[in-house]
Amino acid sequence: MKEISGNLSAAGRKFGIAVSRFNSFFTEQLLQGAEDCLLRHGASPDDIVFVRVPGAAELPLAVQKLARSGRFDAVMALGCVIQGSTPHADLIEQQVSRAITQISLDTGVPVTGGLVAANNIEQAVERAGTKMGNKGWDAAMAAIEMVSVLASLEG
């Protein structure tokens, strides 16, 4: 039996990141985590491009444009949705998650989600760089590995 798995080298790869400005206290931490991960794994700063969008609901369109551009090996979506007194946050999180999955399937470009979906501010803090890790870092790691896995499958 032959196993195909990815390596964690970002060297020579190009990455696009769409990041939401809404809840910027958290999304800036996610962006820093993603950038740190990519650089520590060999990506060049010149090979990382990020675009800011107003909120999480706008992430899919920006991600789609990045993925379809042909300029990037992988794309990340970074945002933070915090539940309020209505189910609005759940709806946004579900729609964004579905959309970025569909974009990845439609384009063949790995699209990874660093979307924090939290019930409260404390949970958002935990997922944007404290005891629960940094979901931006996690999205970057997944992007690096998926680029490698896909290259192995194609080659």
Protein backbone atom coordinates (compact mmCIF):
# COMPACT_ATOMS: atom_id res chain seq x y z
CA MET A 1 0.00 0.00 0.00
CA LYS A 2 1.35 3.44 -0.93
CA GLU A 3 0.69 6.52 1.18
CA ILE A 4 0.65 10.03 -0.21
CA SER A 5 1.10 12.76 2.35
CA GLY A 6 2.23 16.35 2.25
CA ASN A 7 5.27 18.05 3.61
CA LEU A 8 5.23 21.33 5.47
CA SER A 9 7.43 23.45 3.24
CA ALA A 10 5.96 26.69 1.92
CA ALA A 11 9.10 27.56 -0.03
CA GLY A 12 8.39 28.63 -3.59
CA ARG A 13 4.63 28.65 -3.08
CA LYS A 14 2.29 31.61 -3.35
CA PHE A 15 -0.50 32.26 -0.85
CA GLY A 16 -3.52 34.55 -0.91
CA ILE A 17 -5.30 35.59 2.26
CA ALA A 18 -8.68 37.28 2.58
CA VAL A 19 -9.16 38.82 6.02
CA SER A 20 -12.22 40.48 7.51
CA ARG A 21 -11.94 43.93 9.09
CA PHE A 22 -14.97 43.29 11.29
CA ASN A 23 -13.81 42.17 14.75
CA SER A 24 -10.33 43.37 13.79
CA PHE A 25 -9.03 42.86 17.31
CA PHE A 26 -9.26 39.14 16.54
CA THR A 27 -8.73 39.06 12.79
CA GLU A 28 -5.42 40.92 13.04
CA GLN A 29 -4.22 38.19 15.39
CA LEU A 30 -5.38 35.57 12.89
CA LEU A 31 -3.53 37.34 10.08
CA GLN A 32 -0.35 37.55 12.15
CA GLY A 33 -0.64 33.86 12.97
CA ALA A 34 -1.06 32.90 9.32
CA GLU A 35 1.84 35.08 8.20
CA ASP A 36 4.10 33.77 10.96
CA CYS A 37 3.29 30.19 10.02
CA LEU A 38 3.96 30.74 6.32
CA LEU A 39 7.27 32.52 6.95
CA ARG A 40 8.47 29.94 9.48
CA HIS A 41 7.77 27.23 6.92
CA GLY A 42 9.81 28.89 4.19
CA ALA A 43 7.47 31.20 2.32
CA SER A 44 8.89 34.45 1.04
CA PRO A 45 7.12 37.65 2.17
CA ASP A 46 6.82 38.53 -1.53
CA ASP A 47 4.77 35.36 -2.08
CA ILE A 48 2.07 36.31 0.43
CA VAL A 49 -0.74 38.67 -0.60
CA PHE A 50 -3.63 39.64 1.60
CA VAL A 51 -6.80 41.54 0.92
CA ARG A 52 -9.09 43.11 3.49
CA VAL A 53 -12.84 42.86 3.22
CA PRO A 54 -15.51 44.50 5.41
CA GLY A 55 -16.80 41.40 7.19
CA ALA A 56 -16.96 37.62 7.20
CA ALA A 57 -19.91 37.60 4.78
CA GLU A 58 -17.68 39.23 2.15
CA LEU A 59 -14.90 36.65 2.47
CA PRO A 60 -16.23 34.17 -0.12
CA LEU A 61 -16.22 36.63 -3.03
CA ALA A 62 -12.67 37.80 -2.28
CA VAL A 63 -11.54 34.19 -1.81
CA GLN A 64 -13.15 33.25 -5.12
CA LYS A 65 -11.34 36.06 -6.96
CA LEU A 66 -8.02 35.04 -5.38
CA ALA A 67 -8.52 31.35 -6.19
CA ARG A 68 -9.60 31.99 -9.78
CA SER A 69 -6.75 34.41 -10.47
CA GLY A 70 -4.26 31.61 -11.10
CA ARG A 71 -1.70 33.49 -9.01
CA PHE A 72 -1.91 31.44 -5.81
CA ASP A 73 -1.20 27.87 -4.80
CA ALA A 74 -3.59 28.18 -1.85
CA VAL A 75 -5.95 30.74 -0.36
CA MET A 76 -7.00 31.35 3.24
CA ALA A 77 -10.15 32.98 4.63
CA LEU A 78 -9.71 34.66 8.01
CA GLY A 79 -12.59 36.10 9.99
CA CYS A 80 -14.28 36.19 13.35
CA VAL A 81 -17.99 35.79 14.01
CA ILE A 82 -19.20 36.19 17.59
CA GLN A 83 -22.69 35.07 18.53
CA GLY A 84 -25.02 37.80 19.71
CA SER A 85 -28.61 37.62 20.88
CA THR A 86 -29.86 36.50 17.45
CA PRO A 87 -28.84 33.55 15.23
CA HIS A 88 -27.26 35.94 12.69
CA ALA A 89 -23.70 34.80 13.52
CA ASP A 90 -24.60 31.14 12.98
CA LEU A 91 -26.03 31.94 9.57
CA ILE A 92 -22.93 33.86 8.50
CA GLU A 93 -20.54 31.18 9.75
CA GLN A 94 -22.43 28.40 7.98
CA GLN A 95 -22.71 30.28 4.69
CA VAL A 96 -19.05 31.31 4.67
CA SER A 97 -17.88 27.80 5.51
CA ARG A 98 -20.02 26.26 2.76
CA ALA A 99 -18.93 28.87 0.24
CA ILE A 100 -15.19 28.49 0.81
CA THR A 101 -15.50 24.72 0.56
CA GLN A 102 -17.37 25.07 -2.72
CA ILE A 103 -14.81 27.54 -4.08
CA SER A 104 -12.03 25.08 -3.34
CA LEU A 105 -13.91 22.27 -5.09
CA ASP A 106 -14.80 24.46 -8.08
CA THR A 107 -11.32 25.87 -8.63
CA GLY A 108 -9.09 23.02 -7.48
CA VAL A 109 -7.20 25.53 -5.34
CA PRO A 110 -6.95 24.66 -1.65
CA VAL A 111 -9.01 27.15 0.33
CA THR A 112 -8.60 26.86 4.06
CA GLY A 113 -10.76 28.46 6.70
CA GLY A 114 -9.48 30.42 9.63
CA LEU A 115 -12.94 31.51 10.60
CA VAL A 116 -13.41 31.82 14.34
CA ALA A 117 -17.01 31.11 15.30
CA ALA A 118 -17.41 31.91 18.98
CA ASN A 119 -20.29 32.10 21.40
CA ASN A 120 -18.64 34.98 23.26
CA ILE A 121 -15.59 37.22 23.35
CA GLU A 122 -13.70 34.89 25.69
CA GLN A 123 -13.96 32.03 23.19
CA ALA A 124 -12.82 34.32 20.39
CA VAL A 125 -9.77 35.34 22.44
CA GLU A 126 -8.93 31.67 23.04
CA ARG A 127 -9.03 30.86 19.31
CA ALA A 128 -7.15 33.93 18.10
CA GLY A 129 -3.86 33.23 19.79
CA THR A 130 -4.14 32.03 23.38
CA LYS A 131 -4.77 28.61 24.92
CA MET A 132 -6.78 27.20 22.00
CA GLY A 133 -4.11 28.21 19.50
CA ASN A 134 -4.45 30.54 16.56
CA LYS A 135 -6.90 29.59 13.82
CA GLY A 136 -4.94 31.75 11.36
CA TRP A 137 -1.86 29.61 11.99
CA ASP A 138 -3.99 26.47 11.59
CA ALA A 139 -5.39 27.70 8.27
CA ALA A 140 -1.87 28.40 6.99
CA MET A 141 -0.62 24.95 8.07
CA ALA A 142 -3.53 23.30 6.29
CA ALA A 143 -2.86 25.39 3.17
CA ILE A 144 0.83 24.44 3.12
CA GLU A 145 0.05 20.75 3.53
CA MET A 146 -2.75 20.71 0.95
CA VAL A 147 -0.55 22.35 -1.68
CA SER A 148 2.00 19.60 -1.14
CA VAL A 149 -0.58 16.80 -1.13
CA LEU A 150 -2.16 18.04 -4.37
CA ALA A 151 1.24 18.36 -6.02
CA SER A 152 1.96 14.74 -5.07
CA LEU A 153 -1.40 13.58 -6.45
CA GLU A 154 -0.85 15.44 -9.71
CA GLY A 155 2.77 14.37 -10.12
